Amino acid sequence: MSEICDSAAVRLRPFICGFAVLALFFCIMSVSGASAGNYEAMSALRAADGDRTDFKAPAVSAPEISYARGNSEARDSWNEAVRLYSDDVFKPKPYSRIDSGANPMVMLQGFHWYADSYWYHPPRGWWGVLADKAGEIGRAGFGLIWFPPVSNGSYYPHEWYNLDSQWGKKPELLAAVRAMHDNKVLVLGDIVLNHRSGTKDWADFTNPDWPTDVIVQNDEWSGVPSQPYNGKSSNYDEGQGDGGCRDIDHNNPIVRRDTRIFMRWMRNSIGFDGWRFDMVKGYLPRHIMEYNTASSPVFTVGEFYDGNKQALVDWIDGTDDSSGKANASTAFDFPTKFNLIAAVESDNYGILNDNGKPSGLIGWWPAKSVTFVENHDTSPRDPGFIANASEEYRTQRLMGYAYILTHPGVPCVFWPHFFDWGQDYRNRLQTLINIRKAAGINSTSGVQIMAAYNGLYAAVIRGDRKSIALKLGKSWGWNPPGDGWTLAASGDRYAVWIR
């Protein structure tokens, strides 16, 4: 999500701003010192916090907002999750991540902005589309798929346990997860932890129920002026905020406990295999380490929306305090994305060379890099763009796929590029995926850059079984060195050989 907010929230923001004063008035009027909203699950979550003294807890307990219980099924799910997955009854299993070493998988982003119910209305929602496509996805060679956020409100979540959202209903979600597993595809849930919306107002959090002191002190919400710290946490935001939602204090023990329980429920009761963490610039990476340890994912990737390689490496490093970093989260390789698109648009491929290594995150920490050409945030925000994208735009993105599908890292393909740009485009992407798998290219495969200047990029990539040579650019005066090469794929301004 990051710098670009959810389309629904964008549409609602004028309404929210226009009624801010009125909403604040009702919020203040609804505060009570001991809310009737202290239900059984909230009481359980207020138990002793265990050995969490290394974190700074809020200095005060702010008043709670009086609220309805929200969705009843969501409340039942929350209570069930507390019963099954609280720290005193659930012990996470030891886990081994698929990105702790060489990872051969190719990932698919399983949605785009215009696939939700605001724009698209398939009979069983987007979850039904995913379930129906699961066989094709598995046969195409995708080992991972990234689902959109499942909670009501999507990237601006309201009730975490209300799984009836703009992407579809809970039964269809469960069926989509099962269908992916039946086709040997691991499913990543998009987890939005940086911020949260109230159920019906600014800060009336339900399912799980939270008091207002989970909101960071410098959040845009003015709070309750009559209360200490305006009814908010005494802690300030640890990172980047989001103006469309309440930014959450992950030093609050209630927040951390609820997050651990929710992610265990998502992992064990809903069936997700791992996580895509949204907007991780908003809170410290040590929290990712805690939540990963609690939920035992096989793979995670964080959206650290930044072109600075060092910043991404520092974030990855902070998600695992062990010396080997085997359980550190991967990160989306924004430096490669930015450099790659700049290179194919300008035909200047020196951008892709950093002293003989790839210039993106894959040049520094390929095992923890997820490469991509485009995603829902970076693709033009225009409902007609997918259908009407120019041939040049499509050509440049295909050149980008020729790069990421032949290079190290875990490549991620954007749904509309594979399913919505016609059979010929899909066939070309499929050919590149097949070449990667035939050669045994994985996340740590070695790269030798042979040329990188105006008009030409050339590299040889060593797979477990074969080697691949890639050429990009308008200059056609290069062929791979030595004998035995077979041209395996070619198109406008790209060619791939295998040996």
Protein backbone atom coordinates (compact mmCIF):
# COMPACT_ATOMS: atom_id res chain seq x y z
CA MET A 1 0.00 0.00 0.00
CA SER A 2 2.64 2.49 1.21
CA GLU A 3 2.60 5.98 -0.27
CA ILE A 4 -0.52 5.24 -2.28
CA CYS A 5 -3.65 4.75 -0.18
CA ASP A 6 -6.46 2.33 -0.76
CA SER A 7 -8.81 3.45 -3.50
CA ALA A 8 -11.80 3.09 -1.20
CA ALA A 9 -10.17 5.27 1.42
CA VAL A 10 -9.36 7.90 -1.21
CA ARG A 11 -12.99 8.06 -2.16
CA LEU A 12 -14.08 8.31 1.47
CA ARG A 13 -11.53 10.90 2.58
CA PRO A 14 -13.51 14.00 1.44
CA PHE A 15 -16.48 12.70 3.43
CA ILE A 16 -14.30 12.02 6.47
CA CYS A 17 -12.68 15.43 6.35
CA GLY A 18 -16.00 17.19 5.91
CA PHE A 19 -17.42 15.59 9.06
CA ALA A 20 -14.29 15.55 11.20
CA VAL A 21 -15.62 17.97 13.79
CA LEU A 22 -18.93 16.15 14.12
CA ALA A 23 -17.17 12.77 14.40
CA LEU A 24 -14.86 14.08 17.10
CA PHE A 25 -17.82 15.43 19.05
CA PHE A 26 -19.57 12.05 19.08
CA CYS A 27 -16.30 10.30 19.87
CA ILE A 28 -15.75 12.47 22.95
CA MET A 29 -19.35 12.10 24.05
CA SER A 30 -19.07 8.32 23.85
CA VAL A 31 -16.05 7.99 26.16
CA SER A 32 -16.56 6.43 29.56
CA GLY A 33 -14.10 5.52 32.27
CA ALA A 34 -15.08 1.85 32.28
CA SER A 35 -16.74 0.96 29.00
CA ALA A 36 -19.42 -1.67 28.75
CA GLY A 37 -17.35 -2.94 25.82
CA ASN A 38 -15.05 -4.97 28.09
CA TYR A 39 -16.13 -8.33 26.83
CA GLU A 40 -14.76 -11.74 27.60
CA ALA A 41 -12.01 -11.80 25.00
CA MET A 42 -10.81 -8.31 25.97
CA SER A 43 -10.58 -9.46 29.56
CA ALA A 44 -8.43 -12.40 28.52
CA LEU A 45 -6.14 -10.09 26.59
CA ARG A 46 -5.60 -7.90 29.62
CA ALA A 47 -3.89 -10.77 31.46
CA ALA A 48 -0.29 -10.42 32.60
CA ASP A 49 2.04 -9.60 29.73
CA GLY A 50 4.68 -12.22 30.49
CA ASP A 51 8.32 -11.38 29.79
CA ARG A 52 7.72 -8.37 27.52
CA THR A 53 9.49 -5.87 29.77
CA ASP A 54 12.00 -5.08 27.03
CA PHE A 55 9.36 -3.02 25.29
CA LYS A 56 8.06 0.33 26.53
CA ALA A 57 4.40 0.00 27.42
CA PRO A 58 2.03 2.98 27.27
CA ALA A 59 2.33 5.25 30.29
CA VAL A 60 -1.43 5.50 30.80
CA SER A 61 -4.49 3.46 30.08
CA ALA A 62 -6.76 5.71 28.04
CA PRO A 63 -10.53 5.49 28.23
CA GLU A 64 -12.27 3.15 25.88
CA ILE A 65 -14.84 4.25 23.35
CA SER A 66 -18.32 2.80 23.75
CA TYR A 67 -19.12 0.78 20.68
CA ALA A 68 -21.35 -1.94 19.32
CA ARG A 69 -19.81 -5.37 19.20
CA GLY A 70 -19.46 -5.21 15.43
CA ASN A 71 -19.96 -8.23 13.23
CA SER A 72 -21.16 -11.19 15.33
CA GLU A 73 -19.34 -13.84 13.30
CA ALA A 74 -16.16 -11.78 13.60
CA ARG A 75 -16.66 -11.67 17.36
CA ASP A 76 -17.09 -15.43 17.52
CA SER A 77 -13.92 -15.86 15.48
CA TRP A 78 -12.00 -13.52 17.78
CA ASN A 79 -13.13 -15.41 20.86
CA GLU A 80 -12.22 -18.71 19.22
CA ALA A 81 -8.79 -17.38 18.30
CA VAL A 82 -8.18 -16.22 21.88
CA ARG A 83 -9.16 -19.67 23.14
CA LEU A 84 -6.96 -21.55 20.66
CA TYR A 85 -3.96 -19.30 20.10
CA SER A 86 -3.23 -17.28 23.24
CA ASP A 87 0.33 -17.54 24.50
CA ASP A 88 -0.65 -19.64 27.52
CA VAL A 89 -2.25 -22.39 25.40
CA PHE A 90 -0.42 -22.28 22.06
CA LYS A 91 3.26 -22.92 21.49
CA PRO A 92 4.55 -22.08 18.00
CA LYS A 93 6.20 -24.96 16.20
CA PRO A 94 9.81 -24.69 15.08
CA TYR A 95 9.78 -23.69 11.44
CA SER A 96 12.05 -23.66 8.43
CA ARG A 97 11.69 -20.94 5.83
CA ILE A 98 11.99 -21.56 2.11
CA ASP A 99 14.08 -18.38 1.80
CA SER A 100 16.74 -19.50 4.28
CA GLY A 101 18.80 -20.63 1.28
CA ALA A 102 18.46 -20.98 -2.49
CA ASN A 103 14.78 -20.60 -3.38
CA PRO A 104 13.67 -21.69 -6.89
CA MET A 105 10.08 -20.46 -6.61
CA VAL A 106 8.31 -17.93 -8.81
CA MET A 107 5.63 -15.80 -7.16
CA LEU A 108 2.37 -14.36 -8.50
CA GLN A 109 0.67 -11.26 -7.16
CA GLY A 110 -2.89 -12.56 -7.09
CA PHE A 111 -4.81 -9.30 -7.57
CA HIS A 112 -4.73 -5.70 -8.74
CA TRP A 113 -6.53 -2.51 -7.69
CA TYR A 114 -9.48 -3.05 -9.98
CA ALA A 115 -10.25 -6.63 -8.99
CA ASP A 116 -12.27 -5.78 -5.87
CA SER A 117 -16.01 -5.27 -5.63
CA TYR A 118 -15.80 -1.52 -6.19
CA TRP A 119 -14.92 -2.26 -9.83
CA TYR A 120 -15.49 -5.93 -10.58
CA HIS A 121 -18.43 -8.16 -9.67
CA PRO A 122 -17.82 -11.88 -10.31
CA PRO A 123 -20.46 -14.15 -8.74
CA ARG A 124 -18.22 -15.38 -5.89
CA GLY A 125 -16.07 -12.29 -5.56
CA TRP A 126 -12.36 -12.17 -6.32
CA TRP A 127 -11.80 -15.19 -4.07
CA GLY A 128 -13.95 -17.19 -6.48
CA VAL A 129 -11.78 -16.05 -9.40
CA LEU A 130 -8.65 -17.17 -7.55
CA ALA A 131 -10.18 -20.56 -6.75
CA ASP A 132 -11.17 -21.07 -10.39
CA LYS A 133 -7.68 -20.10 -11.61
CA ALA A 134 -5.77 -22.23 -9.09
CA GLY A 135 -5.17 -25.05 -11.54
CA GLU A 136 -3.78 -22.71 -14.19
CA ILE A 137 -1.59 -20.99 -11.61
CA GLY A 138 -0.11 -24.25 -10.41
CA ARG A 139 0.48 -25.58 -13.93
CA ALA A 140 2.17 -22.31 -14.91
CA GLY A 141 4.87 -22.99 -12.32
CA PHE A 142 3.98 -20.44 -9.66
CA GLY A 143 4.92 -21.80 -6.24
CA LEU A 144 3.73 -18.75 -4.27
CA ILE A 145 0.71 -16.49 -4.60
CA TRP A 146 0.11 -13.26 -2.72
CA PHE A 147 -3.51 -12.71 -1.73
CA PRO A 148 -4.90 -9.23 -0.94
CA PRO A 149 -5.76 -8.28 2.68
CA VAL A 150 -8.64 -10.45 3.90
CA SER A 151 -10.15 -8.24 6.63
CA ASN A 152 -13.08 -5.93 6.05
CA GLY A 153 -11.62 -2.66 4.77
CA SER A 154 -8.67 -4.35 3.03
CA TYR A 155 -5.66 -2.00 3.26
CA TYR A 156 -7.58 0.15 5.77
CA PRO A 157 -8.80 -2.71 7.98
CA HIS A 158 -11.69 -2.33 10.45
CA GLU A 159 -12.49 -5.59 12.22
CA TRP A 160 -9.57 -7.96 11.72
CA TYR A 161 -11.76 -11.04 12.17
CA ASN A 162 -14.49 -9.91 9.77
CA LEU A 163 -13.44 -11.70 6.59
CA ASP A 164 -16.34 -10.45 4.48
CA SER A 165 -14.55 -7.79 2.45
CA GLN A 166 -14.49 -6.15 -0.96
CA TRP A 167 -12.60 -9.24 -2.17
CA GLY A 168 -15.42 -11.63 -1.27
CA LYS A 169 -16.94 -13.67 1.55
CA LYS A 170 -15.16 -15.87 4.08
CA PRO A 171 -16.34 -19.24 2.64
CA GLU A 172 -14.99 -18.29 -0.79
CA LEU A 173 -11.69 -17.22 0.78
CA LEU A 174 -11.34 -20.59 2.48
CA ALA A 175 -12.15 -22.34 -0.79
CA ALA A 176 -9.52 -20.27 -2.64
CA VAL A 177 -6.82 -21.17 -0.11
CA ARG A 178 -7.74 -24.86 -0.35
CA ALA A 179 -7.71 -24.72 -4.16
CA MET A 180 -4.21 -23.23 -4.16
CA HIS A 181 -2.95 -25.89 -1.78
CA ASP A 182 -4.54 -28.61 -3.92
CA ASN A 183 -2.41 -27.30 -6.78
CA LYS A 184 0.78 -27.10 -4.70
CA VAL A 185 0.79 -23.31 -4.46
CA LEU A 186 1.70 -21.67 -1.15
CA VAL A 187 -0.50 -18.73 -0.14
CA LEU A 188 0.77 -15.47 1.37
CA GLY A 189 -1.68 -13.29 3.30
CA ASP A 190 -1.30 -9.52 3.04
CA ILE A 191 -1.01 -8.37 6.66
CA VAL A 192 -1.74 -4.71 7.46
CA LEU A 193 -0.40 -3.96 10.94
CA ASN A 194 0.84 -0.39 10.75
CA HIS A 195 -2.60 1.19 10.91
CA ARG A 196 -6.25 0.43 11.51
CA SER A 197 -9.67 2.04 11.06
CA GLY A 198 -12.43 2.18 13.63
CA THR A 199 -15.51 0.06 13.09
CA LYS A 200 -17.95 2.94 12.68
CA ASP A 201 -15.92 5.94 13.78
CA TRP A 202 -12.37 7.23 14.18
CA ALA A 203 -11.17 4.88 16.89
CA ASP A 204 -13.90 2.44 17.96
CA PHE A 205 -11.85 -0.70 17.42
CA THR A 206 -13.74 -3.99 17.59
CA ASN A 207 -12.86 -7.62 17.00
CA PRO A 208 -10.31 -7.31 18.48
CA ASP A 209 -11.49 -4.57 20.84
CA TRP A 210 -8.85 -1.99 21.65
CA PRO A 211 -8.82 1.11 23.84
CA THR A 212 -7.72 4.36 22.27
CA ASP A 213 -4.29 4.27 23.89
CA VAL A 214 -3.12 1.89 21.17
CA ILE A 215 -2.93 4.94 18.88
CA VAL A 216 0.46 6.65 18.67
CA GLN A 217 0.75 10.09 20.21
CA ASN A 218 1.46 11.92 16.92
CA ASP A 219 -1.40 10.34 14.98
CA GLU A 220 -3.63 12.82 13.13
CA TRP A 221 -6.64 11.93 15.28
CA SER A 222 -6.96 14.64 17.92
CA GLY A 223 -8.00 12.13 20.58
CA VAL A 224 -9.85 12.98 23.77
CA PRO A 225 -8.50 16.32 25.01
CA SER A 226 -9.75 15.86 28.57
CA GLN A 227 -7.66 12.72 29.07
CA PRO A 228 -3.91 12.30 29.72
CA TYR A 229 -2.00 12.24 26.43
CA ASN A 230 -5.31 13.06 24.74
CA GLY A 231 -6.42 9.48 25.35
CA LYS A 232 -3.62 8.17 23.11
CA SER A 233 -0.36 6.37 23.75
CA SER A 234 2.53 8.32 25.21
CA ASN A 235 4.71 6.72 22.54
CA TYR A 236 5.33 8.37 19.19
CA ASP A 237 5.21 6.61 15.84
CA GLU A 238 8.28 4.47 15.16
CA GLY A 239 8.25 5.26 11.46
CA GLN A 240 6.11 6.47 8.60
CA GLY A 241 2.48 7.28 9.32
CA ASP A 242 -0.66 6.86 7.24
CA GLY A 243 -3.02 9.82 7.22
CA GLY A 244 -6.08 7.77 6.29
CA CYS A 245 -6.07 5.54 9.39
CA ARG A 246 -5.02 5.45 13.01
CA ASP A 247 -1.34 4.58 13.35
CA ILE A 248 -0.88 1.81 15.90
CA ASP A 249 1.65 1.61 18.74
CA HIS A 250 3.42 -1.76 18.48
CA ASN A 251 5.03 -1.21 21.87
CA ASN A 252 1.58 -1.68 23.39
CA PRO A 253 1.32 -5.19 24.91
CA ILE A 254 -2.34 -5.52 23.92
CA VAL A 255 -1.49 -4.77 20.29
CA ARG A 256 1.36 -7.25 20.25
CA ARG A 257 -0.62 -10.00 21.94
CA ASP A 258 -3.61 -9.49 19.65
CA THR A 259 -1.35 -9.52 16.61
CA ARG A 260 0.27 -12.78 17.64
CA ILE A 261 -3.13 -14.39 18.17
CA PHE A 262 -4.55 -13.08 14.89
CA MET A 263 -1.60 -14.28 12.84
CA ARG A 264 -1.72 -17.72 14.44
CA TRP A 265 -5.43 -17.87 13.59
CA MET A 266 -4.71 -16.82 10.00
CA ARG A 267 -1.94 -19.39 9.74
CA ASN A 268 -3.65 -22.35 11.39
CA SER A 269 -7.40 -21.80 11.04
CA ILE A 270 -7.58 -19.97 7.68
CA GLY A 271 -4.63 -21.78 6.13
CA PHE A 272 -2.16 -19.11 5.04
CA ASP A 273 1.44 -20.27 4.65
CA GLY A 274 3.18 -16.92 5.06
CA TRP A 275 2.88 -13.17 4.95
CA ARG A 276 3.31 -10.10 2.85
CA PHE A 277 3.74 -7.32 5.42
CA ASP A 278 2.25 -4.02 4.28
CA MET A 279 3.96 -0.67 4.91
CA VAL A 280 6.76 -1.93 7.14
CA LYS A 281 8.38 1.52 7.18
CA GLY A 282 5.76 2.38 9.79
CA TYR A 283 7.12 0.29 12.69
CA LEU A 284 10.41 -1.26 13.73
CA PRO A 285 11.57 -4.56 12.20
CA ARG A 286 11.95 -6.20 15.62
CA HIS A 287 8.15 -6.48 15.69
CA ILE A 288 8.26 -8.49 12.44
CA MET A 289 10.66 -10.87 14.18
CA GLU A 290 8.22 -11.29 17.08
CA TYR A 291 5.22 -11.88 14.81
CA ASN A 292 7.09 -14.31 12.58
CA THR A 293 8.29 -16.29 15.59
CA ALA A 294 4.71 -16.41 16.88
CA SER A 295 3.14 -17.59 13.62
CA SER A 296 5.81 -19.87 12.01
CA PRO A 297 5.48 -18.75 8.37
CA VAL A 298 7.37 -20.55 5.62
CA PHE A 299 7.96 -17.28 3.75
CA THR A 300 7.48 -13.56 4.38
CA VAL A 301 8.16 -10.42 2.41
CA GLY A 302 7.99 -6.83 3.58
CA GLU A 303 6.93 -3.77 1.62
CA PHE A 304 9.72 -1.36 2.50
CA TYR A 305 8.90 1.18 -0.19
CA ASP A 306 12.33 2.72 -0.79
CA GLY A 307 14.98 2.75 -3.49
CA ASN A 308 17.81 2.88 -0.95
CA LYS A 309 19.53 -0.53 -0.83
CA GLN A 310 21.13 0.10 2.52
CA ALA A 311 17.78 0.99 4.08
CA LEU A 312 16.30 -2.29 2.82
CA VAL A 313 19.27 -4.32 4.06
CA ASP A 314 19.01 -2.68 7.48
CA TRP A 315 15.32 -3.54 7.64
CA ILE A 316 15.89 -7.18 6.64
CA ASP A 317 18.71 -7.45 9.16
CA GLY A 318 16.41 -6.17 11.92
CA THR A 319 13.82 -8.90 11.35
CA ASP A 320 16.12 -11.64 12.74
CA ASP A 321 18.60 -11.17 15.58
CA SER A 322 20.38 -14.49 15.01
CA SER A 323 23.83 -14.53 13.47
CA GLY A 324 22.86 -16.54 10.39
CA LYS A 325 19.74 -14.48 9.57
CA ALA A 326 18.05 -17.66 8.30
CA ASN A 327 14.63 -16.47 9.51
CA ALA A 328 15.00 -12.87 8.35
CA SER A 329 12.15 -11.66 6.18
CA THR A 330 12.67 -10.98 2.51
CA ALA A 331 11.87 -7.53 1.10
CA PHE A 332 10.50 -6.31 -2.20
CA ASP A 333 13.44 -5.18 -4.30
CA PHE A 334 12.36 -1.62 -5.06
CA PRO A 335 15.91 -0.60 -6.09
CA THR A 336 15.89 -3.23 -8.87
CA LYS A 337 12.39 -2.20 -9.95
CA PHE A 338 13.28 1.49 -10.15
CA ASN A 339 16.63 0.88 -11.88
CA LEU A 340 15.21 -1.68 -14.31
CA ILE A 341 12.35 0.51 -15.50
CA ALA A 342 14.69 3.50 -15.82
CA ALA A 343 17.07 1.38 -17.90
CA VAL A 344 14.51 -0.03 -20.35
CA GLU A 345 12.82 3.35 -20.75
CA SER A 346 16.09 5.18 -21.48
CA ASP A 347 17.99 2.29 -23.17
CA ASN A 348 20.85 3.10 -20.77
CA TYR A 349 21.80 -0.15 -19.07
CA GLY A 350 24.72 1.17 -17.09
CA ILE A 351 22.03 1.76 -14.44
CA LEU A 352 21.91 -2.02 -13.89
CA ASN A 353 25.62 -2.42 -13.13
CA ASP A 354 27.12 -1.71 -9.71
CA ASN A 355 30.81 -2.55 -9.95
CA GLY A 356 30.10 -5.82 -11.72
CA LYS A 357 27.06 -6.76 -9.63
CA PRO A 358 23.36 -6.14 -10.21
CA SER A 359 22.55 -2.65 -8.97
CA GLY A 360 19.49 -3.60 -6.95
CA LEU A 361 19.03 -5.46 -3.70
CA ILE A 362 19.78 -8.71 -5.57
CA GLY A 363 23.35 -7.48 -5.90
CA TRP A 364 23.74 -7.37 -2.11
CA TRP A 365 21.34 -9.91 -0.57
CA PRO A 366 19.65 -11.94 -3.33
CA ALA A 367 18.30 -14.67 -1.04
CA LYS A 368 16.17 -12.05 0.72
CA SER A 369 15.04 -10.16 -2.40
CA VAL A 370 11.67 -10.36 -4.16
CA THR A 371 12.01 -8.78 -7.58
CA PHE A 372 9.12 -7.36 -9.55
CA VAL A 373 8.38 -5.26 -12.61
CA GLU A 374 5.11 -3.72 -11.47
CA ASN A 375 2.56 -4.12 -8.70
CA HIS A 376 -0.74 -2.62 -7.59
CA ASP A 377 0.99 0.44 -6.11
CA THR A 378 3.40 1.21 -8.94
CA SER A 379 1.08 0.47 -11.86
CA PRO A 380 -0.79 3.54 -13.17
CA ARG A 381 -3.94 4.17 -11.12
CA ASP A 382 -6.43 4.16 -13.97
CA PRO A 383 -9.22 1.58 -14.33
CA GLY A 384 -8.79 1.60 -18.11
CA PHE A 385 -5.03 1.29 -18.11
CA ILE A 386 -4.74 -2.50 -18.00
CA ALA A 387 -6.79 -2.82 -21.17
CA ASN A 388 -5.39 0.28 -22.87
CA ALA A 389 -1.67 0.20 -22.00
CA SER A 390 0.46 1.16 -24.98
CA GLU A 391 2.50 -1.38 -26.89
CA GLU A 392 5.69 0.38 -25.82
CA TYR A 393 4.70 0.15 -22.16
CA ARG A 394 3.99 -3.56 -22.56
CA THR A 395 7.27 -4.11 -24.42
CA GLN A 396 9.29 -2.41 -21.70
CA ARG A 397 7.60 -4.49 -18.98
CA LEU A 398 8.29 -7.68 -20.94
CA MET A 399 11.96 -6.67 -21.09
CA GLY A 400 11.76 -6.26 -17.33
CA TYR A 401 10.39 -9.79 -16.96
CA ALA A 402 13.18 -11.13 -19.16
CA TYR A 403 15.54 -9.63 -16.57
CA ILE A 404 13.90 -10.71 -13.30
CA LEU A 405 12.96 -14.20 -14.54
CA THR A 406 16.57 -14.92 -15.51
CA HIS A 407 18.26 -13.28 -12.52
CA PRO A 408 18.54 -14.17 -8.80
CA GLY A 409 15.97 -13.19 -6.21
CA VAL A 410 12.40 -14.46 -6.08
CA PRO A 411 10.62 -12.99 -9.13
CA CYS A 412 7.00 -11.85 -8.72
CA VAL A 413 4.67 -11.58 -11.73
CA PHE A 414 1.79 -9.08 -11.67
CA TRP A 415 -1.64 -10.68 -12.22
CA PRO A 416 -2.89 -8.50 -15.13
CA HIS A 417 0.35 -8.96 -17.04
CA PHE A 418 -0.13 -12.73 -16.99
CA PHE A 419 -3.90 -13.00 -17.29
CA ASP A 420 -5.15 -9.78 -18.91
CA TRP A 421 -2.73 -8.81 -21.69
CA GLY A 422 -3.62 -11.51 -24.15
CA GLN A 423 -2.49 -15.03 -24.91
CA ASP A 424 0.67 -14.02 -26.77
CA TYR A 425 1.94 -11.96 -23.83
CA ARG A 426 1.11 -14.75 -21.42
CA ASN A 427 2.90 -17.27 -23.64
CA ARG A 428 6.03 -15.12 -23.62
CA LEU A 429 5.96 -14.88 -19.83
CA GLN A 430 5.36 -18.62 -19.59
CA THR A 431 8.36 -19.30 -21.82
CA LEU A 432 10.59 -17.20 -19.54
CA ILE A 433 9.29 -19.05 -16.45
CA ASN A 434 9.94 -22.39 -18.16
CA ILE A 435 13.49 -21.37 -19.06
CA ARG A 436 14.19 -20.36 -15.47
CA LYS A 437 12.99 -23.70 -14.19
CA ALA A 438 14.79 -25.72 -16.86
CA ALA A 439 18.09 -24.03 -16.01
CA GLY A 440 17.56 -24.31 -12.26
CA ILE A 441 17.85 -20.59 -11.61
CA ASN A 442 17.13 -19.74 -7.98
CA SER A 443 17.27 -16.79 -5.60
CA THR A 444 21.04 -17.08 -5.11
CA SER A 445 22.21 -17.94 -8.65
CA GLY A 446 25.42 -16.24 -9.71
CA VAL A 447 25.46 -13.43 -12.30
CA GLN A 448 28.29 -12.31 -14.56
CA ILE A 449 27.53 -8.98 -16.23
CA MET A 450 29.15 -9.00 -19.67
CA ALA A 451 28.03 -5.56 -20.87
CA ALA A 452 26.00 -2.66 -19.45
CA TYR A 453 25.96 0.61 -21.38
CA ASN A 454 23.80 2.61 -23.77
CA GLY A 455 21.90 0.21 -26.01
CA LEU A 456 23.04 -3.06 -24.44
CA TYR A 457 22.80 -5.13 -21.27
CA ALA A 458 24.21 -8.64 -21.37
CA ALA A 459 24.74 -11.16 -18.59
CA VAL A 460 25.30 -14.86 -18.00
CA ILE A 461 23.45 -16.44 -15.08
CA ARG A 462 24.50 -19.83 -13.69
CA GLY A 463 21.68 -22.17 -12.69
CA ASP A 464 21.85 -25.50 -10.87
CA ARG A 465 21.45 -27.41 -14.16
CA LYS A 466 22.23 -25.01 -17.00
CA SER A 467 23.36 -21.46 -17.71
CA ILE A 468 21.32 -18.67 -19.23
CA ALA A 469 22.49 -15.67 -21.26
CA LEU A 470 20.33 -12.55 -21.44
CA LYS A 471 20.55 -9.59 -23.79
CA LEU A 472 18.48 -6.41 -23.46
CA GLY A 473 18.45 -3.25 -25.58
CA LYS A 474 18.41 -1.92 -29.11
CA SER A 475 21.96 -3.03 -29.90
CA TRP A 476 22.05 -6.49 -31.47
CA GLY A 477 25.82 -6.76 -31.81
CA TRP A 478 26.28 -9.28 -28.98
CA ASN A 479 26.05 -13.05 -28.67
CA PRO A 480 26.93 -15.18 -25.64
CA PRO A 481 30.56 -16.28 -25.50
CA GLY A 482 31.52 -19.85 -26.36
CA ASP A 483 29.73 -22.71 -28.09
CA GLY A 484 26.63 -24.70 -27.28
CA TRP A 485 24.13 -21.88 -26.74
CA THR A 486 20.55 -22.31 -27.96
CA LEU A 487 18.22 -19.34 -28.45
CA ALA A 488 15.31 -20.10 -26.12
CA ALA A 489 13.25 -16.88 -26.23
CA SER A 490 13.33 -13.55 -28.03
CA GLY A 491 11.20 -10.50 -28.59
CA ASP A 492 11.41 -6.77 -29.12
CA ARG A 493 14.74 -5.73 -27.48
CA TYR A 494 15.40 -8.95 -25.56
CA ALA A 495 16.82 -12.41 -26.19
CA VAL A 496 17.53 -15.38 -23.92
CA TRP A 497 19.86 -18.32 -24.61
CA ILE A 498 20.36 -21.51 -22.63
CA ARG A 499 23.30 -23.90 -22.46
